[in-house]
N, C-alpha and C. Protein backbone atom coordinates (compact mmCIF):
# COMPACT_ATOMS: atom_id res chain seq x y z
N MET A 1 -26.15 75.50 -0.70
CA MET A 1 -24.71 75.43 -1.03
C MET A 1 -24.20 77.09 -1.46
N THR A 2 -22.88 77.11 -0.65
CA THR A 2 -22.14 78.49 -0.77
C THR A 2 -21.03 77.70 -2.31
N GLY A 3 -20.49 79.38 -2.43
CA GLY A 3 -19.51 78.88 -3.82
C GLY A 3 -20.78 79.21 -5.14
N ALA A 4 -20.22 78.51 -6.10
CA ALA A 4 -20.95 78.73 -7.49
C ALA A 4 -21.10 77.33 -8.17
N SER A 5 -22.03 77.19 -8.32
CA SER A 5 -22.78 76.17 -9.55
C SER A 5 -23.42 76.38 -10.25
N ILE A 6 -23.71 75.28 -11.20
CA ILE A 6 -24.92 75.25 -12.48
C ILE A 6 -25.48 73.96 -12.15
N ARG A 7 -26.68 73.38 -12.13
CA ARG A 7 -27.59 72.74 -12.32
C ARG A 7 -28.08 72.56 -13.54
N TYR A 8 -28.26 71.14 -14.45
CA TYR A 8 -29.58 71.35 -15.37
C TYR A 8 -29.79 69.89 -14.92
N ASP A 9 -31.04 69.75 -15.25
CA ASP A 9 -31.69 68.23 -15.16
C ASP A 9 -32.30 68.50 -16.23
N ILE A 10 -32.31 67.08 -16.58
CA ILE A 10 -32.79 66.35 -18.24
C ILE A 10 -34.39 65.98 -17.89
N SER A 11 -35.25 66.62 -18.31
CA SER A 11 -36.79 66.32 -17.59
C SER A 11 -37.20 65.17 -18.93
N ILE A 12 -38.18 64.58 -18.50
CA ILE A 12 -39.02 63.67 -19.40
C ILE A 12 -39.17 64.02 -20.67
N GLU A 13 -39.40 65.77 -20.71
CA GLU A 13 -40.22 66.50 -21.78
C GLU A 13 -38.76 66.48 -22.90
N ASP A 14 -37.51 66.60 -22.56
CA ASP A 14 -36.27 66.36 -23.32
C ASP A 14 -35.86 65.46 -23.95
N ARG A 15 -36.57 64.93 -24.61
CA ARG A 15 -36.46 63.21 -25.15
C ARG A 15 -35.28 63.29 -26.22
N ALA A 16 -35.28 64.14 -26.68
CA ALA A 16 -33.77 63.88 -27.64
C ALA A 16 -32.33 63.69 -26.59
N ALA A 17 -32.42 64.52 -25.66
CA ALA A 17 -31.20 64.50 -24.59
C ALA A 17 -31.79 63.11 -23.75
N ARG A 18 -32.62 62.79 -23.44
CA ARG A 18 -32.51 61.69 -22.71
C ARG A 18 -32.24 60.54 -23.46
N ARG A 19 -32.85 60.10 -24.52
CA ARG A 19 -32.44 59.40 -25.60
C ARG A 19 -30.73 59.42 -25.79
N GLU A 20 -30.13 60.35 -26.06
CA GLU A 20 -28.78 60.16 -26.02
C GLU A 20 -28.12 59.97 -24.95
N LEU A 21 -28.39 60.30 -23.51
CA LEU A 21 -27.90 60.05 -22.38
C LEU A 21 -28.23 58.19 -22.04
N ASP A 22 -29.46 57.75 -22.75
CA ASP A 22 -29.72 56.47 -22.27
C ASP A 22 -28.71 55.56 -23.11
N GLY A 23 -28.49 55.93 -24.24
CA GLY A 23 -27.78 55.50 -25.32
C GLY A 23 -26.12 55.18 -24.81
N VAL A 24 -25.74 56.38 -24.29
CA VAL A 24 -24.45 56.66 -23.53
C VAL A 24 -24.07 55.66 -22.32
N GLU A 25 -25.25 55.55 -21.54
CA GLU A 25 -25.41 54.47 -20.48
C GLU A 25 -25.22 53.13 -20.92
N ARG A 26 -25.92 52.66 -21.99
CA ARG A 26 -26.28 51.41 -22.88
C ARG A 26 -24.67 51.07 -23.36
N ARG A 27 -24.30 51.69 -23.98
CA ARG A 27 -22.69 51.47 -24.65
C ARG A 27 -21.59 51.66 -23.28
N ALA A 28 -21.84 52.21 -22.23
CA ALA A 28 -21.29 52.25 -21.37
C ALA A 28 -21.38 50.90 -20.44
N ARG A 29 -22.40 50.48 -20.42
CA ARG A 29 -22.69 49.10 -19.42
C ARG A 29 -22.06 47.90 -20.10
N ASP A 30 -21.94 47.79 -21.67
CA ASP A 30 -21.34 46.85 -22.64
C ASP A 30 -20.00 47.27 -23.71
N LEU A 31 -18.75 47.07 -22.92
CA LEU A 31 -18.21 47.36 -23.58
C LEU A 31 -17.27 46.70 -24.58
N SER A 32 -17.99 45.53 -25.01
CA SER A 32 -17.27 44.49 -25.71
C SER A 32 -16.85 44.48 -26.94
N PRO A 33 -18.03 45.61 -27.63
CA PRO A 33 -17.13 45.79 -28.99
C PRO A 33 -16.00 46.65 -29.13
N ALA A 34 -15.91 47.86 -28.00
CA ALA A 34 -14.99 48.34 -27.92
C ALA A 34 -13.75 47.51 -27.47
N MET A 35 -13.96 46.80 -26.56
CA MET A 35 -12.89 45.64 -25.81
C MET A 35 -12.14 44.83 -27.17
N ASP A 36 -13.32 44.40 -27.96
CA ASP A 36 -12.12 43.80 -29.04
C ASP A 36 -11.66 44.47 -29.58
N GLU A 37 -12.01 45.75 -30.17
CA GLU A 37 -11.30 46.54 -31.21
C GLU A 37 -9.59 46.71 -30.77
N ILE A 38 -10.15 46.97 -29.26
CA ILE A 38 -8.71 47.22 -28.35
C ILE A 38 -7.65 45.89 -28.40
N GLY A 39 -8.69 44.98 -28.02
CA GLY A 39 -7.52 43.69 -28.11
C GLY A 39 -6.86 43.52 -29.19
N SER A 40 -7.92 44.07 -30.48
CA SER A 40 -7.04 43.52 -32.29
C SER A 40 -5.97 44.59 -31.97
N MET A 41 -6.02 46.01 -31.53
CA MET A 41 -5.20 47.15 -32.02
C MET A 41 -3.86 46.24 -31.10
N LEU A 42 -4.32 45.88 -29.78
CA LEU A 42 -3.09 45.71 -28.82
C LEU A 42 -2.04 44.18 -29.84
N VAL A 43 -2.84 43.64 -30.22
CA VAL A 43 -2.40 42.22 -30.73
C VAL A 43 -1.44 42.59 -31.88
N ALA A 44 -1.89 43.92 -32.62
CA ALA A 44 -1.23 44.40 -33.68
C ALA A 44 0.25 45.36 -33.41
N SER A 45 -0.25 46.01 -32.46
CA SER A 45 1.16 46.59 -31.74
C SER A 45 2.15 45.59 -31.09
N THR A 46 1.58 44.52 -30.48
CA THR A 46 2.70 43.32 -29.88
C THR A 46 3.15 42.92 -31.13
N LEU A 47 2.36 42.63 -32.36
CA LEU A 47 3.21 42.30 -33.29
C LEU A 47 4.27 42.67 -34.52
N ASN A 48 4.13 44.40 -33.98
CA ASN A 48 4.78 44.88 -34.44
C ASN A 48 6.34 45.10 -33.74
N ARG A 49 6.04 44.67 -32.69
CA ARG A 49 7.03 44.81 -31.36
C ARG A 49 8.31 43.82 -31.67
N PHE A 50 7.77 42.52 -32.65
CA PHE A 50 8.78 41.28 -33.21
C PHE A 50 9.41 41.63 -34.16
N GLU A 51 8.56 42.53 -35.07
CA GLU A 51 9.15 43.38 -36.24
C GLU A 51 10.39 44.09 -36.03
N THR A 52 10.05 45.04 -34.83
CA THR A 52 11.02 45.88 -34.75
C THR A 52 12.06 45.96 -33.62
N GLY A 53 11.86 44.46 -32.65
CA GLY A 53 12.82 44.37 -31.89
C GLY A 53 12.98 45.08 -30.65
N THR A 54 11.36 45.57 -30.17
CA THR A 54 11.71 46.52 -28.98
C THR A 54 10.20 46.50 -27.89
N GLY A 55 10.84 46.72 -26.93
CA GLY A 55 9.83 46.18 -25.67
C GLY A 55 8.84 47.67 -25.89
N PRO A 56 8.10 47.40 -25.15
CA PRO A 56 7.02 48.84 -24.77
C PRO A 56 7.47 49.79 -24.45
N ASP A 57 8.08 49.90 -23.90
CA ASP A 57 9.43 50.77 -23.12
C ASP A 57 10.23 51.48 -24.19
N GLY A 58 10.14 51.03 -25.46
CA GLY A 58 10.88 51.55 -26.32
C GLY A 58 12.22 51.07 -26.55
N ILE A 59 12.70 50.28 -25.38
CA ILE A 59 14.18 49.53 -25.48
C ILE A 59 14.10 48.34 -26.23
N ALA A 60 15.17 48.53 -26.91
CA ALA A 60 15.77 47.53 -27.89
C ALA A 60 15.93 45.95 -27.10
N TRP A 61 15.40 44.98 -27.92
CA TRP A 61 15.98 43.68 -27.19
C TRP A 61 17.23 43.24 -27.40
N LEU A 62 18.04 42.21 -26.48
CA LEU A 62 19.18 42.37 -26.29
C LEU A 62 19.22 41.05 -27.49
N PRO A 63 20.20 41.03 -28.56
CA PRO A 63 20.10 39.72 -29.20
C PRO A 63 20.22 38.68 -29.18
N SER A 64 19.54 37.68 -29.35
CA SER A 64 19.64 36.27 -28.80
C SER A 64 21.32 35.65 -29.47
N GLN A 65 21.60 34.60 -29.06
CA GLN A 65 22.80 33.98 -29.44
C GLN A 65 22.26 33.35 -30.71
N ARG A 66 21.13 32.99 -31.11
CA ARG A 66 21.04 32.38 -32.37
C ARG A 66 21.20 33.92 -33.50
N VAL A 67 20.68 34.85 -33.13
CA VAL A 67 20.72 35.60 -34.18
C VAL A 67 22.13 36.20 -34.27
N LEU A 68 22.89 36.39 -33.09
CA LEU A 68 24.15 36.87 -33.21
C LEU A 68 24.88 35.82 -33.91
N LYS A 69 24.66 34.82 -33.90
CA LYS A 69 25.76 33.43 -34.67
C LYS A 69 24.98 33.54 -36.47
N GLN A 70 23.79 33.29 -36.50
CA GLN A 70 23.64 32.97 -37.68
C GLN A 70 22.61 34.24 -38.01
N GLY A 71 22.09 34.97 -37.25
CA GLY A 71 21.21 36.33 -38.21
C GLY A 71 19.70 35.85 -38.04
N GLY A 72 19.02 36.77 -38.24
CA GLY A 72 17.53 36.42 -38.52
C GLY A 72 17.23 37.47 -36.99
N GLN A 73 16.10 37.26 -36.56
CA GLN A 73 15.40 38.07 -35.86
C GLN A 73 15.36 37.29 -34.35
N THR A 74 15.50 38.33 -33.30
CA THR A 74 15.54 37.80 -31.98
C THR A 74 13.85 37.60 -31.77
N LEU A 75 13.58 36.60 -31.08
CA LEU A 75 12.19 36.08 -30.72
C LEU A 75 11.16 35.34 -31.84
N VAL A 76 11.73 35.40 -33.14
CA VAL A 76 11.28 34.69 -34.63
C VAL A 76 12.23 33.94 -34.92
N ASP A 77 12.22 32.61 -34.47
CA ASP A 77 13.20 31.52 -35.19
C ASP A 77 11.81 30.89 -35.89
N SER A 78 11.36 29.85 -35.23
CA SER A 78 9.75 29.53 -35.79
C SER A 78 8.81 30.29 -36.22
N ALA A 79 9.05 31.36 -35.56
CA ALA A 79 7.76 32.00 -35.35
C ALA A 79 6.59 31.55 -34.78
N ARG A 80 6.34 30.90 -33.96
CA ARG A 80 5.51 30.05 -33.00
C ARG A 80 4.99 31.23 -32.00
N LEU A 81 5.87 31.80 -31.25
CA LEU A 81 5.76 32.92 -30.06
C LEU A 81 5.06 33.80 -30.89
N ARG A 82 5.38 34.62 -32.01
CA ARG A 82 5.14 35.86 -32.88
C ARG A 82 3.28 35.50 -33.00
N ASP A 83 3.11 34.24 -33.40
CA ASP A 83 2.17 34.29 -34.43
C ASP A 83 1.13 33.58 -33.45
N SER A 84 1.11 33.36 -32.04
CA SER A 84 0.25 32.61 -31.08
C SER A 84 -0.23 33.96 -30.50
N GLN A 85 0.14 34.82 -30.67
CA GLN A 85 -0.18 36.22 -29.89
C GLN A 85 -2.04 36.57 -30.55
N HIS A 86 -2.67 36.56 -29.29
CA HIS A 86 -4.09 36.86 -29.56
C HIS A 86 -4.87 37.80 -28.42
N HIS A 87 -6.39 37.47 -28.45
CA HIS A 87 -6.91 38.28 -27.66
C HIS A 87 -8.14 37.81 -27.42
N VAL A 88 -8.48 37.90 -25.95
CA VAL A 88 -10.21 37.31 -25.64
C VAL A 88 -10.71 38.77 -24.83
N PHE A 89 -12.05 38.75 -24.96
CA PHE A 89 -12.54 40.12 -24.29
C PHE A 89 -14.10 40.06 -23.89
N GLY A 90 -14.53 40.72 -23.07
CA GLY A 90 -15.78 40.36 -22.23
C GLY A 90 -16.06 42.12 -22.38
N ALA A 91 -16.97 42.36 -21.68
CA ALA A 91 -18.28 43.64 -21.43
C ALA A 91 -17.01 44.71 -20.81
N ASP A 92 -16.11 43.93 -20.10
CA ASP A 92 -15.20 45.12 -19.66
C ASP A 92 -13.95 44.46 -19.42
N PHE A 93 -13.51 44.14 -20.00
CA PHE A 93 -12.03 43.43 -19.77
C PHE A 93 -12.01 42.91 -20.94
N VAL A 94 -10.24 43.11 -22.01
CA VAL A 94 -9.63 42.77 -22.75
C VAL A 94 -8.40 42.11 -22.19
N GLU A 95 -7.66 40.81 -22.77
CA GLU A 95 -6.64 40.34 -22.11
C GLU A 95 -5.89 40.21 -23.59
N VAL A 96 -4.71 40.12 -23.81
CA VAL A 96 -3.77 39.76 -24.45
C VAL A 96 -2.32 38.85 -24.54
N GLY A 97 -2.19 38.07 -25.11
CA GLY A 97 -1.09 37.10 -24.47
C GLY A 97 -1.34 36.20 -25.92
N SER A 98 -0.31 34.81 -25.15
CA SER A 98 0.15 33.98 -25.58
C SER A 98 -0.02 32.98 -25.10
N ASN A 99 -0.33 31.54 -25.52
CA ASN A 99 -0.41 30.36 -24.72
C ASN A 99 0.79 29.43 -25.06
N VAL A 100 1.63 29.93 -25.57
CA VAL A 100 2.95 29.00 -25.95
C VAL A 100 3.80 29.48 -24.30
N LEU A 101 3.93 27.76 -24.07
CA LEU A 101 4.52 27.73 -22.75
C LEU A 101 5.66 28.22 -22.61
N TYR A 102 6.46 28.46 -23.36
CA TYR A 102 7.84 29.73 -23.37
C TYR A 102 7.58 31.05 -23.28
N ALA A 103 6.46 31.53 -23.60
CA ALA A 103 6.08 32.97 -23.83
C ALA A 103 6.56 33.51 -22.31
N ALA A 104 6.31 33.36 -21.58
CA ALA A 104 6.64 34.04 -20.03
C ALA A 104 8.09 34.08 -19.74
N ILE A 105 8.93 33.09 -19.83
CA ILE A 105 10.21 33.19 -19.85
C ILE A 105 10.78 34.42 -20.52
N HIS A 106 10.22 34.41 -21.85
CA HIS A 106 11.00 35.61 -23.18
C HIS A 106 10.32 37.08 -22.46
N GLN A 107 9.12 36.55 -21.76
CA GLN A 107 8.55 38.25 -21.64
C GLN A 107 9.16 38.40 -20.55
N LEU A 108 9.50 37.92 -19.24
CA LEU A 108 10.26 38.23 -18.00
C LEU A 108 11.60 37.89 -17.88
N GLY A 109 12.03 37.09 -18.59
CA GLY A 109 13.68 36.54 -18.39
C GLY A 109 13.77 35.84 -16.99
N GLY A 110 15.07 35.10 -17.00
CA GLY A 110 14.89 34.23 -16.21
C GLY A 110 15.83 32.68 -16.40
N ARG A 111 16.36 31.80 -15.83
CA ARG A 111 16.85 30.89 -15.85
C ARG A 111 15.84 29.65 -16.63
N ALA A 112 16.40 29.14 -17.82
CA ALA A 112 15.51 27.89 -18.35
C ALA A 112 17.00 26.72 -18.83
N GLY A 113 15.84 25.84 -19.09
CA GLY A 113 17.14 24.59 -19.64
C GLY A 113 17.26 23.94 -18.45
N ARG A 114 18.20 23.12 -18.74
CA ARG A 114 18.39 21.58 -17.65
C ARG A 114 19.35 22.28 -16.85
N GLY A 115 18.96 22.16 -15.29
CA GLY A 115 19.37 22.62 -14.31
C GLY A 115 19.52 24.54 -14.46
N GLY A 116 18.69 24.77 -15.47
CA GLY A 116 18.69 26.26 -15.16
C GLY A 116 20.09 26.87 -15.57
N ALA A 117 20.75 26.51 -16.58
CA ALA A 117 21.86 26.43 -17.18
C ALA A 117 22.01 27.79 -18.17
N ALA A 118 20.93 28.21 -18.50
CA ALA A 118 20.72 29.40 -20.13
C ALA A 118 20.09 30.46 -19.11
N ASN A 119 20.71 31.34 -19.24
CA ASN A 119 20.42 32.61 -18.62
C ASN A 119 19.50 33.75 -19.46
N ILE A 120 18.40 33.62 -19.83
CA ILE A 120 17.42 34.15 -20.51
C ILE A 120 16.86 35.57 -20.28
N PRO A 121 17.61 36.90 -21.03
CA PRO A 121 17.37 38.12 -20.78
C PRO A 121 15.56 38.45 -20.63
N ALA A 122 15.48 39.46 -20.11
CA ALA A 122 13.39 39.72 -20.42
C ALA A 122 13.95 40.06 -21.73
N ARG A 123 12.66 40.08 -22.61
CA ARG A 123 12.55 40.76 -23.67
C ARG A 123 10.80 41.06 -23.78
N PRO A 124 10.45 41.84 -23.29
CA PRO A 124 9.20 42.16 -23.38
C PRO A 124 8.30 42.43 -24.62
N PHE A 125 7.62 41.75 -25.05
CA PHE A 125 6.87 42.07 -25.87
C PHE A 125 5.08 42.37 -25.95
N LEU A 126 4.71 41.98 -24.78
CA LEU A 126 3.52 42.32 -24.11
C LEU A 126 3.53 43.77 -23.53
N GLY A 127 2.73 44.54 -23.59
CA GLY A 127 2.28 45.52 -22.77
C GLY A 127 2.04 46.94 -23.44
N ILE A 128 1.74 48.13 -22.85
CA ILE A 128 1.19 49.11 -23.37
C ILE A 128 2.37 50.15 -23.49
N ASP A 129 2.31 50.84 -24.56
CA ASP A 129 3.27 51.87 -25.04
C ASP A 129 2.56 53.45 -24.91
N ALA A 130 2.79 54.35 -24.94
CA ALA A 130 1.99 55.95 -25.10
C ALA A 130 0.98 55.58 -26.24
N GLY A 131 1.71 55.31 -27.13
CA GLY A 131 0.60 55.13 -28.53
C GLY A 131 -0.60 54.25 -28.31
N ASP A 132 -0.53 53.18 -27.70
CA ASP A 132 -1.56 52.35 -27.52
C ASP A 132 -2.37 52.91 -26.76
N GLU A 133 -1.97 53.78 -25.59
CA GLU A 133 -2.74 54.16 -24.42
C GLU A 133 -3.46 55.25 -25.20
N ALA A 134 -3.22 56.07 -25.99
CA ALA A 134 -3.79 57.10 -26.82
C ALA A 134 -4.74 56.65 -27.69
N GLU A 135 -4.75 55.21 -28.41
CA GLU A 135 -6.27 54.64 -29.10
C GLU A 135 -6.77 54.35 -28.15
N ILE A 136 -6.14 53.53 -27.46
CA ILE A 136 -7.23 52.72 -26.21
C ILE A 136 -8.42 53.94 -25.65
N ILE A 137 -8.03 55.33 -25.51
CA ILE A 137 -8.97 55.93 -25.05
C ILE A 137 -9.92 56.68 -26.38
N ASN A 138 -9.26 56.68 -27.36
CA ASN A 138 -9.84 56.97 -28.79
C ASN A 138 -10.75 56.23 -28.61
N ILE A 139 -10.38 54.77 -28.65
CA ILE A 139 -11.50 53.84 -28.93
C ILE A 139 -12.57 53.85 -28.00
N LEU A 140 -12.04 53.87 -26.78
CA LEU A 140 -13.72 54.05 -25.64
C LEU A 140 -13.94 55.22 -26.07
N THR A 141 -13.41 56.25 -26.24
CA THR A 141 -14.41 57.51 -26.27
C THR A 141 -15.18 57.27 -27.45
N ALA A 142 -14.92 56.85 -28.80
CA ALA A 142 -15.89 56.60 -29.79
C ALA A 142 -16.87 55.81 -29.46
N HIS A 143 -16.61 54.98 -28.69
CA HIS A 143 -17.61 53.76 -28.33
C HIS A 143 -18.73 54.52 -27.53
N ILE A 144 -18.34 54.94 -26.60
CA ILE A 144 -19.17 55.77 -25.49
C ILE A 144 -19.94 56.75 -25.91
N GLY A 145 -19.00 57.32 -26.90
CA GLY A 145 -20.01 58.46 -27.64
C GLY A 145 -20.76 58.17 -28.62
N GLY A 146 -20.68 56.83 -29.09
CA GLY A 146 -21.73 56.63 -30.42
C GLY A 146 -21.00 56.53 -31.30
N LEU A 147 -19.75 56.69 -31.44
CA LEU A 147 -19.39 57.18 -33.15
C LEU A 147 -18.91 55.65 -33.48
N GLN A 148 -19.18 54.73 -33.14
CA GLN A 148 -18.86 53.57 -33.72
C GLN A 148 -19.79 53.19 -34.25
């Protein structure tokens, strides 16, 4: 090999290092505990967006007509949408969202109502912001490194 390199082989005699590497490999194979923690964190972050009325991009939601006329919080009338946020996870994934039928129209925006008479602006509540991303990295690093 040209250039410069360094090589370190962990032999079977280096039992402590081998055990540590085996543990890292085992933890990396099944990320379920980390995915569960990430899901809980993302649900909390999503709930915070309902409190602040801002999307994951930090942009404030346009107030709803109900809020403009009667007060209250946008997307929190009955609180059904807010309270439906949940997560599911597995060894290598986490999914955060809502099973409420009208969640998508509020997340993405679009026409709704009879004949599409109402134009609903997008008010994204799902997503990952910079703080979420940093926390995801922290959770995965702690899990794989064996700090959990």
